[in-house]
């Protein structure tokens, strides 16, 4: 293939081209993250293309999840989405050009004949491939055209020589043309096939860099030959290693992968997801936690990994926890509020100004916004359900007098941490108790668990009325 001239500056144009035949999972979205990041890092353009030619399996619901997931992660395209089914006239126009130039020919070999050929080749331990029966050559006599049989159109793959490219991940790759048979590029009904449509799209959209999964490596030599038949220079390729699930299998819906949007619903932050996904195949030294801005400042194609990356949900939760702790409390409250409303909390109550302070108090203990909402909900509900084991352990008859005394001591006075701390100290002295003997049952009654931040901060945020009611409700 002709190498690109890298001396002149290139305006980078990348693309993500998913097929909407199932939900988009983290392995898919990782393949979108790098072309998006490369375009952003270089001041280029990122194009979204929906490859929806598989009419039986493509669904609008799958398209919606792709758009929703990318929007949530802040990976908005500069152009698109473009839909291949809306470009059929253009494909047929280019197909006609190739046919007129002698790069395409009709093939009347039936499916039954192809199956028999494949079986014979496999029995002879040969690589299954089309044998070129209908390929026109000088002096060759073709079989009689069968009546009433619509042909497929095949691309005349060059014979002899190699197809070669310098892959930005895998290095130099060379494939002998003799290993490639003549690709079907249009079906009997005239519908063009994947490898052909991709090339036309990449030409029309002026794609400079194709960054995609390495399951496409086998398509690349075929696509390069089509580029060259159209007298166009192929883009630069970077084929990313597979993302494996926690069992070491290729991440897929069949192997238990979740839709990207499910992580949103489970309380993960988009910034944390971008951080985690970026490290699934790329690195910047030993940096584990970084912002979106740092990622885009650092990203290039030279530090893409060559080995398959393995998804680790525990690591993802840890990364999410780090971002959650560093997040502005007001912004965090804006994410927690809708989750509280889903749990039946009134929007007016949530808007009382406490939620950012609640987030500040509990975010160091949480790894998702759902976990944070689990804490926040006890501040807004009318009742709290204590962990029974902790209730039995701490809310004992012996603690009753001290709890009653604290409820009484909290009735009057300025409701702040200093007042609450003083009331607790007073009760401890009067009852002859140590702090845990009072603090533990107070936590269980007020928040449902003995494991909370400082008692005075907890009670101050809970509010006098709720605190006293819960201390009395033993």
Protein backbone atom coordinates (compact mmCIF):
# COMPACT_ATOMS: atom_id res chain seq x y z
CA UNK A 1 0.00 0.00 0.00
CA UNK A 2 1.02 3.60 -0.42
CA UNK A 3 2.23 5.10 2.86
CA UNK A 4 0.82 8.43 3.99
CA UNK A 5 3.09 11.44 3.74
CA UNK A 6 3.60 12.27 7.40
CA UNK A 7 5.75 15.37 6.82
CA UNK A 8 2.75 17.65 6.23
CA UNK A 9 0.42 18.31 9.17
CA UNK A 10 -2.76 16.27 8.91
CA UNK A 11 -6.14 17.45 10.19
CA UNK A 12 -7.10 14.39 12.17
CA UNK A 13 -10.52 12.86 11.51
CA UNK A 14 -11.46 9.72 13.43
CA UNK A 15 -14.65 7.70 13.64
CA UNK A 16 -16.60 5.27 15.76
CA UNK A 17 -18.76 2.97 13.67
CA UNK A 18 -20.84 0.59 15.82
CA UNK A 19 -23.43 -1.86 14.53
CA UNK A 20 -26.75 -1.42 16.39
CA UNK A 21 -27.35 -5.14 16.77
CA UNK A 22 -27.20 -5.26 20.58
CA UNK A 23 -26.48 -2.98 23.49
CA UNK A 24 -23.17 -1.14 23.72
CA UNK A 25 -20.92 -2.47 26.52
CA UNK A 26 -17.61 -1.30 27.99
CA UNK A 27 -15.54 -3.19 25.42
CA UNK A 28 -17.39 -1.37 22.62
CA UNK A 29 -17.22 2.04 24.26
CA UNK A 30 -13.46 1.64 24.89
CA UNK A 31 -13.14 1.38 21.11
CA UNK A 32 -14.98 4.71 20.86
CA UNK A 33 -12.99 6.40 23.63
CA UNK A 34 -9.61 6.34 21.90
CA UNK A 35 -10.67 7.79 18.52
CA UNK A 36 -12.68 10.43 20.40
CA UNK A 37 -9.70 11.24 22.62
CA UNK A 38 -7.27 11.33 19.69
CA UNK A 39 -9.50 13.77 17.82
CA UNK A 40 -9.84 15.97 20.92
CA UNK A 41 -6.10 15.79 21.74
CA UNK A 42 -5.12 16.87 18.22
CA UNK A 43 -7.83 19.44 17.54
CA UNK A 44 -9.39 17.08 15.00
CA UNK A 45 -12.92 15.82 14.31
CA UNK A 46 -14.71 12.77 15.70
CA UNK A 47 -17.42 11.23 13.52
CA UNK A 48 -20.16 8.82 14.61
CA UNK A 49 -21.36 6.36 11.99
CA UNK A 50 -24.07 3.75 12.55
CA UNK A 51 -23.45 0.62 10.48
CA UNK A 52 -27.04 -0.56 10.23
CA UNK A 53 -26.98 -2.65 7.06
CA UNK A 54 -27.84 -5.81 9.02
CA UNK A 55 -31.57 -5.12 8.78
CA UNK A 56 -32.66 -8.25 10.63
CA UNK A 57 -30.58 -7.50 13.74
CA UNK A 58 -30.31 -3.70 13.80
CA UNK A 59 -32.74 -1.93 16.11
CA UNK A 60 -33.54 1.66 16.98
CA UNK A 61 -33.36 0.71 20.67
CA UNK A 62 -29.71 -0.29 20.19
CA UNK A 63 -29.02 3.01 18.41
CA UNK A 64 -30.62 4.91 21.30
CA UNK A 65 -28.41 3.12 23.85
CA UNK A 66 -25.30 3.97 21.80
CA UNK A 67 -26.26 7.66 21.67
CA UNK A 68 -27.31 7.71 25.33
CA UNK A 69 -24.13 6.01 26.54
CA UNK A 70 -21.83 8.28 24.54
CA UNK A 71 -23.72 11.37 25.69
CA UNK A 72 -23.47 10.28 29.34
CA UNK A 73 -19.70 9.86 28.98
CA UNK A 74 -19.36 13.25 27.29
CA UNK A 75 -18.11 11.70 24.04
CA UNK A 76 -20.25 13.77 21.71
CA UNK A 77 -19.35 13.54 18.01
CA UNK A 78 -18.48 16.55 15.87
CA UNK A 79 -20.40 15.02 12.95
CA UNK A 80 -23.12 12.41 12.75
CA UNK A 81 -24.62 10.06 13.49
CA UNK A 82 -24.58 8.99 9.85
CA UNK A 83 -26.57 5.88 8.94
CA UNK A 84 -25.32 3.51 6.25
CA UNK A 85 -28.85 2.57 5.16
CA UNK A 86 -29.35 6.21 4.16
CA UNK A 87 -26.27 6.09 1.92
CA UNK A 88 -27.24 3.20 -0.37
CA UNK A 89 -27.39 5.36 -3.50
CA UNK A 90 -23.82 6.53 -2.89
CA UNK A 91 -22.56 2.95 -2.42
CA UNK A 92 -24.21 1.83 -5.64
CA UNK A 93 -22.66 4.77 -7.48
CA UNK A 94 -19.15 3.79 -6.36
CA UNK A 95 -19.93 0.13 -7.06
CA UNK A 96 -20.75 1.05 -10.64
CA UNK A 97 -17.43 2.93 -10.91
CA UNK A 98 -15.52 -0.15 -9.77
CA UNK A 99 -17.46 -2.38 -12.13
CA UNK A 100 -16.80 -0.05 -15.05
CA UNK A 101 -13.07 -0.08 -14.22
CA UNK A 102 -13.00 -3.88 -14.22
CA UNK A 103 -12.47 -4.31 -10.46
CA UNK A 104 -15.80 -6.07 -9.91
CA UNK A 105 -17.42 -9.03 -11.63
CA UNK A 106 -20.68 -11.00 -11.33
CA UNK A 107 -20.47 -14.44 -9.73
CA UNK A 108 -23.24 -17.01 -10.21
CA UNK A 109 -21.86 -19.71 -7.90
CA UNK A 110 -24.77 -20.94 -5.78
CA UNK A 111 -24.70 -21.36 -2.00
CA UNK A 112 -24.88 -25.13 -2.45
CA UNK A 113 -21.82 -25.03 -4.74
CA UNK A 114 -19.95 -22.84 -2.25
CA UNK A 115 -20.80 -25.23 0.60
CA UNK A 116 -19.58 -28.22 -1.40
CA UNK A 117 -16.38 -26.36 -2.33
CA UNK A 118 -15.76 -25.44 1.31
CA UNK A 119 -16.29 -29.03 2.47
CA UNK A 120 -13.90 -30.39 -0.16
CA UNK A 121 -11.23 -27.83 0.76
CA UNK A 122 -11.55 -28.57 4.45
CA UNK A 123 -11.38 -32.31 3.78
CA UNK A 124 -8.14 -31.65 1.89
CA UNK A 125 -6.97 -29.51 4.86
CA UNK A 126 -6.95 -26.40 2.70
CA UNK A 127 -8.08 -22.93 3.73
CA UNK A 128 -11.74 -22.48 2.65
CA UNK A 129 -11.92 -19.85 -0.08
CA UNK A 130 -13.72 -18.98 -3.28
CA UNK A 131 -11.94 -20.63 -6.19
CA UNK A 132 -12.43 -17.86 -8.78
CA UNK A 133 -14.74 -19.82 -11.14
CA UNK A 134 -16.41 -16.63 -12.41
CA UNK A 135 -13.35 -14.36 -12.23
CA UNK A 136 -12.70 -13.05 -15.75
CA UNK A 137 -9.14 -13.38 -16.99
CA UNK A 138 -7.61 -12.89 -20.48
CA UNK A 139 -8.26 -15.99 -22.54
CA UNK A 140 -10.43 -17.62 -19.87
CA UNK A 141 -13.78 -19.08 -20.94
CA UNK A 142 -16.42 -18.56 -18.25
CA UNK A 143 -19.23 -21.07 -17.60
CA UNK A 144 -22.64 -20.43 -19.22
CA UNK A 145 -24.67 -17.88 -17.22
CA UNK A 146 -27.51 -19.75 -15.47
CA UNK A 147 -30.97 -18.45 -16.36
CA UNK A 148 -32.88 -16.53 -13.68
CA UNK A 149 -30.07 -16.53 -11.10
CA UNK A 150 -29.20 -13.08 -9.72
CA UNK A 151 -25.42 -12.90 -9.19
CA UNK A 152 -23.41 -11.54 -6.31
CA UNK A 153 -20.72 -9.03 -7.23
CA UNK A 154 -17.16 -9.92 -6.24
CA UNK A 155 -14.14 -7.66 -5.94
CA UNK A 156 -11.15 -8.74 -8.05
CA UNK A 157 -8.54 -8.93 -5.36
CA UNK A 158 -5.01 -8.33 -6.70
CA UNK A 159 -2.98 -11.49 -7.28
CA UNK A 160 0.60 -11.74 -6.08
CA UNK A 161 2.42 -9.34 -3.81
CA UNK A 162 1.47 -8.30 -0.32
CA UNK A 163 -0.83 -5.88 1.44
CA UNK A 164 1.13 -4.11 4.19
CA UNK A 165 0.54 -1.38 6.73
CA UNK A 166 2.27 0.01 9.80
CA UNK A 167 -0.27 -0.48 12.54
CA UNK A 168 0.01 2.05 15.38
CA UNK A 169 -0.57 -0.74 17.91
CA UNK A 170 0.65 -3.95 16.30
CA UNK A 171 3.52 -2.63 14.19
CA UNK A 172 4.20 -3.77 10.63
CA UNK A 173 1.61 -6.22 9.26
CA UNK A 174 1.96 -7.92 5.87
CA UNK A 175 -0.63 -10.22 4.27
CA UNK A 176 -0.01 -12.04 0.99
CA UNK A 177 -2.67 -11.26 -1.60
CA UNK A 178 -2.76 -14.95 -2.48
CA UNK A 179 -4.26 -15.59 0.98
CA UNK A 180 -7.26 -13.39 0.14
CA UNK A 181 -10.06 -14.60 -2.10
CA UNK A 182 -12.39 -12.38 -4.12
CA UNK A 183 -14.65 -10.69 -1.63
CA UNK A 184 -18.42 -10.45 -2.20
CA UNK A 185 -19.11 -6.70 -2.19
CA UNK A 186 -22.76 -6.77 -3.28
CA UNK A 187 -25.47 -9.33 -2.53
CA UNK A 188 -27.85 -10.74 -5.18
CA UNK A 189 -30.36 -7.94 -4.41
CA UNK A 190 -27.64 -5.34 -5.06
CA UNK A 191 -27.13 -4.42 -1.39
CA UNK A 192 -23.44 -3.67 -0.80
CA UNK A 193 -21.57 -5.51 1.96
CA UNK A 194 -19.74 -4.31 5.05
CA UNK A 195 -16.13 -4.11 3.85
CA UNK A 196 -17.09 -2.10 0.78
CA UNK A 197 -19.41 0.31 2.62
CA UNK A 198 -16.72 1.00 5.23
CA UNK A 199 -14.23 2.04 2.58
CA UNK A 200 -16.68 4.36 0.82
CA UNK A 201 -17.64 5.91 4.15
CA UNK A 202 -14.02 6.43 5.19
CA UNK A 203 -13.26 8.07 1.84
CA UNK A 204 -16.32 10.33 1.84
CA UNK A 205 -15.81 11.34 5.48
CA UNK A 206 -12.07 11.94 4.94
CA UNK A 207 -11.12 9.64 7.83
CA UNK A 208 -7.39 9.91 8.56
CA UNK A 209 -7.09 7.42 11.43
CA UNK A 210 -9.07 4.22 11.98
CA UNK A 211 -8.79 3.18 15.63
CA UNK A 212 -10.79 0.00 16.22
CA UNK A 213 -10.78 -3.45 17.77
CA UNK A 214 -8.33 -6.05 16.53
CA UNK A 215 -11.20 -8.30 15.47
CA UNK A 216 -11.07 -6.10 12.33
CA UNK A 217 -7.45 -6.92 11.46
CA UNK A 218 -8.56 -9.55 8.93
CA UNK A 219 -10.81 -6.99 7.22
CA UNK A 220 -8.04 -4.44 6.83
CA UNK A 221 -6.11 -5.94 3.87
CA UNK A 222 -9.36 -6.35 1.94
CA UNK A 223 -10.31 -2.75 2.69
CA UNK A 224 -6.86 -1.45 1.72
CA UNK A 225 -7.14 -3.20 -1.66
CA UNK A 226 -10.52 -1.55 -2.26
CA UNK A 227 -9.04 1.85 -1.34
CA UNK A 228 -6.30 1.30 -3.88
CA UNK A 229 -8.76 0.16 -6.56
CA UNK A 230 -10.52 3.50 -6.02
CA UNK A 231 -7.12 5.27 -6.26
CA UNK A 232 -7.35 6.50 -2.66
CA UNK A 233 -4.76 6.42 0.13
CA UNK A 234 -5.91 4.29 3.08
CA UNK A 235 -6.07 5.85 6.55
CA UNK A 236 -3.61 5.08 9.34
CA UNK A 237 -4.76 2.02 11.30
CA UNK A 238 -4.55 1.24 15.02
CA UNK A 239 -6.05 -2.09 16.03
CA UNK A 240 -6.81 -2.27 19.74
CA UNK A 241 -6.46 -5.51 21.73
CA UNK A 242 -9.63 -7.14 23.01
CA UNK A 243 -11.16 -6.24 26.37
CA UNK A 244 -11.67 -9.41 28.42
CA UNK A 245 -14.24 -9.91 31.16
CA UNK A 246 -13.29 -10.96 34.68
CA UNK A 247 -13.28 -14.63 33.62
CA UNK A 248 -10.74 -13.93 30.87
CA UNK A 249 -13.29 -14.29 28.04
CA UNK A 250 -13.91 -11.69 25.34
CA UNK A 251 -16.31 -9.12 26.74
CA UNK A 252 -19.71 -9.56 25.11
CA UNK A 253 -23.40 -9.65 25.90
CA UNK A 254 -23.25 -13.44 25.71
CA UNK A 255 -20.51 -13.46 28.34
CA UNK A 256 -22.41 -11.27 30.82
CA UNK A 257 -21.36 -7.76 29.81
CA UNK A 258 -23.68 -4.95 30.94
CA UNK A 259 -24.93 -2.01 28.87
CA UNK A 260 -22.87 1.14 29.43
CA UNK A 261 -25.99 2.94 30.65
CA UNK A 262 -26.37 0.41 33.48
CA UNK A 263 -23.18 1.75 35.06
CA UNK A 264 -24.78 5.19 35.07
CA UNK A 265 -27.83 3.74 36.82
CA UNK A 266 -25.60 1.96 39.33
CA UNK A 267 -24.08 5.26 40.42
CA UNK A 268 -20.81 5.47 38.52
CA UNK A 269 -19.49 8.88 37.48
CA UNK A 270 -18.79 9.56 33.79
CA UNK A 271 -15.40 11.07 34.68
CA UNK A 272 -14.44 7.89 36.54
CA UNK A 273 -15.62 5.67 33.67
CA UNK A 274 -13.50 7.66 31.19
CA UNK A 275 -10.52 7.37 33.57
CA UNK A 276 -10.98 3.62 34.03
CA UNK A 277 -11.63 2.86 30.36
CA UNK A 278 -8.64 4.94 29.29
CA UNK A 279 -6.39 2.66 31.35
CA UNK A 280 -7.84 -0.47 29.67
CA UNK A 281 -5.22 -0.41 26.94
CA UNK A 282 -3.37 2.91 27.34
CA UNK A 283 -1.12 4.37 30.01
CA UNK A 284 0.62 7.55 31.04
CA UNK A 285 3.45 6.31 33.22
CA UNK A 286 2.07 5.07 36.53
CA UNK A 287 -0.80 7.55 36.69
CA UNK A 288 -3.94 5.74 37.86
CA UNK A 289 -6.30 8.62 38.66
CA UNK A 290 -6.60 11.55 36.28
CA UNK A 291 -9.18 13.99 35.00
CA UNK A 292 -10.71 14.09 31.55
CA UNK A 293 -8.62 17.19 30.81
CA UNK A 294 -5.40 15.42 31.79
CA UNK A 295 -6.32 12.40 29.69
CA UNK A 296 -6.88 14.53 26.60
CA UNK A 297 -3.67 16.45 27.24
CA UNK A 298 -1.64 13.25 27.53
CA UNK A 299 -3.32 10.96 25.00
CA UNK A 300 -1.53 9.80 21.86
CA UNK A 301 -1.34 6.60 19.86
CA UNK A 302 2.21 5.78 20.96
CA UNK A 303 1.25 4.42 24.37
CA UNK A 304 -1.53 2.04 23.37
CA UNK A 305 -0.96 -1.42 24.84
CA UNK A 306 -0.48 -4.51 22.72
CA UNK A 307 -1.92 -6.98 25.21
CA UNK A 308 -5.57 -7.69 25.95
CA UNK A 309 -6.87 -5.72 28.93
CA UNK A 310 -9.01 -7.42 31.58
CA UNK A 311 -12.00 -5.70 33.13
CA UNK A 312 -11.96 -5.59 36.93
CA UNK A 313 -15.11 -4.27 38.59
CA UNK A 314 -13.39 -3.88 41.98
CA UNK A 315 -10.79 -1.63 40.33
CA UNK A 316 -13.55 0.33 38.60
CA UNK A 317 -15.29 0.87 41.95
CA UNK A 318 -12.02 2.06 43.46
CA UNK A 319 -11.45 4.53 40.62
CA UNK A 320 -15.04 5.72 40.99
CA UNK A 321 -14.54 6.20 44.74
CA UNK A 322 -11.48 8.39 44.14
CA UNK A 323 -13.39 10.63 41.71
CA UNK A 324 -16.40 10.72 44.01
CA UNK A 325 -14.28 11.88 46.97
CA UNK A 326 -12.72 14.63 44.86
CA UNK A 327 -16.00 15.84 43.40
CA UNK A 328 -17.58 19.16 44.29
CA UNK A 329 -20.33 18.62 46.88
CA UNK A 330 -22.93 20.68 45.02
CA UNK A 331 -22.30 18.75 41.79
CA UNK A 332 -22.47 15.47 43.70
CA UNK A 333 -25.75 16.47 45.33
CA UNK A 334 -27.19 17.14 41.87
CA UNK A 335 -26.51 13.48 40.97
CA UNK A 336 -27.84 12.08 44.26
CA UNK A 337 -31.08 14.12 44.28
CA UNK A 338 -32.75 12.25 41.35
CA UNK A 339 -31.92 8.92 43.03
CA UNK A 340 -33.64 10.11 46.21
CA UNK A 341 -36.69 11.15 44.19
CA UNK A 342 -36.80 7.66 42.65
CA UNK A 343 -36.98 6.31 46.19
CA UNK A 344 -40.03 8.41 46.95
CA UNK A 345 -38.41 11.41 48.61
CA UNK A 346 -40.20 14.72 47.92
CA UNK A 347 -38.27 17.10 45.67
CA UNK A 348 -39.18 20.03 47.96
CA UNK A 349 -37.64 18.24 50.97
CA UNK A 350 -34.47 17.38 49.06
CA UNK A 351 -34.11 21.04 48.07
CA UNK A 352 -33.79 22.18 51.70
CA UNK A 353 -30.06 22.84 51.29
CA UNK A 354 -28.74 19.91 53.33
CA UNK A 355 -27.88 17.48 50.55
CA UNK A 356 -24.47 18.96 49.57
CA UNK A 357 -23.44 18.83 53.25
CA UNK A 358 -24.72 15.24 53.56
CA UNK A 359 -22.65 14.33 50.49
CA UNK A 360 -19.59 15.99 52.04
CA UNK A 361 -20.05 14.04 55.27
CA UNK A 362 -20.48 10.60 53.67
CA UNK A 363 -18.65 10.64 50.32
CA UNK A 364 -15.39 9.30 51.79
CA UNK A 365 -17.32 6.15 52.77
CA UNK A 366 -18.91 5.55 49.35
CA UNK A 367 -17.81 4.19 45.99
CA UNK A 368 -20.95 5.06 43.98
CA UNK A 369 -23.64 7.72 44.09
CA UNK A 370 -26.13 4.92 44.80
CA UNK A 371 -24.22 4.11 48.00
CA UNK A 372 -24.26 7.82 48.82
CA UNK A 373 -28.02 7.94 48.25
CA UNK A 374 -28.37 4.99 50.63
CA UNK A 375 -26.89 7.22 53.33
CA UNK A 376 -28.75 10.35 52.31
CA UNK A 377 -32.17 8.69 52.33
CA UNK A 378 -32.14 8.33 56.14
CA UNK A 379 -32.08 12.13 56.44
CA UNK A 380 -35.27 12.60 54.43
CA UNK A 381 -37.46 9.61 55.30
CA UNK A 382 -39.89 9.60 58.22
CA UNK A 383 -38.48 6.40 59.68
CA UNK A 384 -35.21 4.50 59.62
CA UNK A 385 -34.78 0.76 59.47
CA UNK A 386 -31.93 -0.25 61.76
CA UNK A 387 -29.73 -3.27 61.12
CA UNK A 388 -31.32 -5.77 63.51
CA UNK A 389 -28.04 -7.29 64.64
CA UNK A 390 -26.68 -3.84 65.53
CA UNK A 391 -29.94 -2.86 67.21
CA UNK A 392 -29.86 -5.98 69.40
CA UNK A 393 -26.23 -5.31 70.29
CA UNK A 394 -26.37 -1.59 71.09
CA UNK A 395 -29.98 -0.52 71.82
CA UNK A 396 -30.22 -2.40 75.11
CA UNK A 397 -32.39 -1.72 78.16
CA UNK A 398 -29.23 -0.51 79.93
CA UNK A 399 -28.86 2.26 77.31
CA UNK A 400 -32.46 3.43 77.80
CA UNK A 401 -31.95 6.01 80.57
CA UNK A 402 -29.02 7.69 78.74
CA UNK A 403 -30.97 7.85 75.47
CA UNK A 404 -33.97 9.38 77.25
CA UNK A 405 -31.70 11.88 78.97
CA UNK A 406 -30.08 12.87 75.66
CA UNK A 407 -33.47 13.37 74.01
CA UNK A 408 -34.37 15.68 76.88
CA UNK A 409 -31.05 17.57 76.74
CA UNK A 410 -31.45 18.23 73.03
CA UNK A 411 -34.91 19.84 73.37
CA UNK A 412 -33.72 23.42 73.86
CA UNK A 413 -30.67 25.29 72.53
CA UNK A 414 -29.02 26.43 69.31
CA UNK A 415 -29.01 23.43 66.95
CA UNK A 416 -25.36 23.17 65.97
CA UNK A 417 -22.50 20.74 66.49
CA UNK A 418 -21.17 22.60 69.52
CA UNK A 419 -24.55 22.43 71.30
CA UNK A 420 -24.99 18.74 70.41
CA UNK A 421 -21.46 17.84 71.55
CA UNK A 422 -22.04 19.65 74.85
CA UNK A 423 -25.36 17.82 75.42
CA UNK A 424 -23.72 14.45 74.79
CA UNK A 425 -20.87 15.30 77.15
CA UNK A 426 -23.36 16.35 79.83
CA UNK A 427 -25.32 13.07 79.57
CA UNK A 428 -22.13 10.97 79.62
CA UNK A 429 -21.03 12.66 82.83
CA UNK A 430 -24.42 12.40 84.49
CA UNK A 431 -24.85 8.72 83.57
CA UNK A 432 -21.24 7.72 84.21
CA UNK A 433 -20.78 6.34 80.68
CA UNK A 434 -18.02 6.29 78.08
CA UNK A 435 -18.62 7.73 74.61
CA UNK A 436 -19.23 4.42 72.74
CA UNK A 437 -21.89 3.36 75.27
CA UNK A 438 -24.03 6.31 74.18
CA UNK A 439 -22.78 7.04 70.66
CA UNK A 440 -23.40 3.54 69.32
CA UNK A 441 -27.10 3.26 70.24
CA UNK A 442 -27.64 6.89 69.14
CA UNK A 443 -26.18 6.08 65.70
CA UNK A 444 -28.28 2.92 65.35
CA UNK A 445 -31.53 4.71 66.27
CA UNK A 446 -30.88 7.84 64.24
CA UNK A 447 -29.10 6.44 61.13
CA UNK A 448 -29.86 2.70 61.25
CA UNK A 449 -26.25 1.60 61.79
CA UNK A 450 -23.49 2.02 64.35
CA UNK A 451 -20.95 2.83 61.62
CA UNK A 452 -21.35 6.53 60.83
CA UNK A 453 -19.23 9.67 60.85
CA UNK A 454 -19.05 11.76 64.04
CA UNK A 455 -22.27 11.79 66.07
CA UNK A 456 -22.50 15.57 66.46
CA UNK A 457 -22.18 16.10 62.67
CA UNK A 458 -24.74 13.33 62.04
CA UNK A 459 -27.32 14.73 64.43
CA UNK A 460 -26.83 18.34 63.36
CA UNK A 461 -27.60 17.43 59.74
CA UNK A 462 -30.50 15.16 60.71
CA UNK A 463 -32.38 17.98 62.44
CA UNK A 464 -33.73 18.32 65.99
CA UNK A 465 -37.23 16.99 65.31
CA UNK A 466 -36.11 13.75 63.61
CA UNK A 467 -33.33 13.11 66.11
CA UNK A 468 -35.55 13.41 69.17
CA UNK A 469 -38.34 11.36 67.56
CA UNK A 470 -35.90 8.55 66.68
CA UNK A 471 -34.25 8.55 70.10
CA UNK A 472 -37.66 8.09 71.67
CA UNK A 473 -38.76 5.43 69.18
CA UNK A 474 -36.89 2.53 70.79
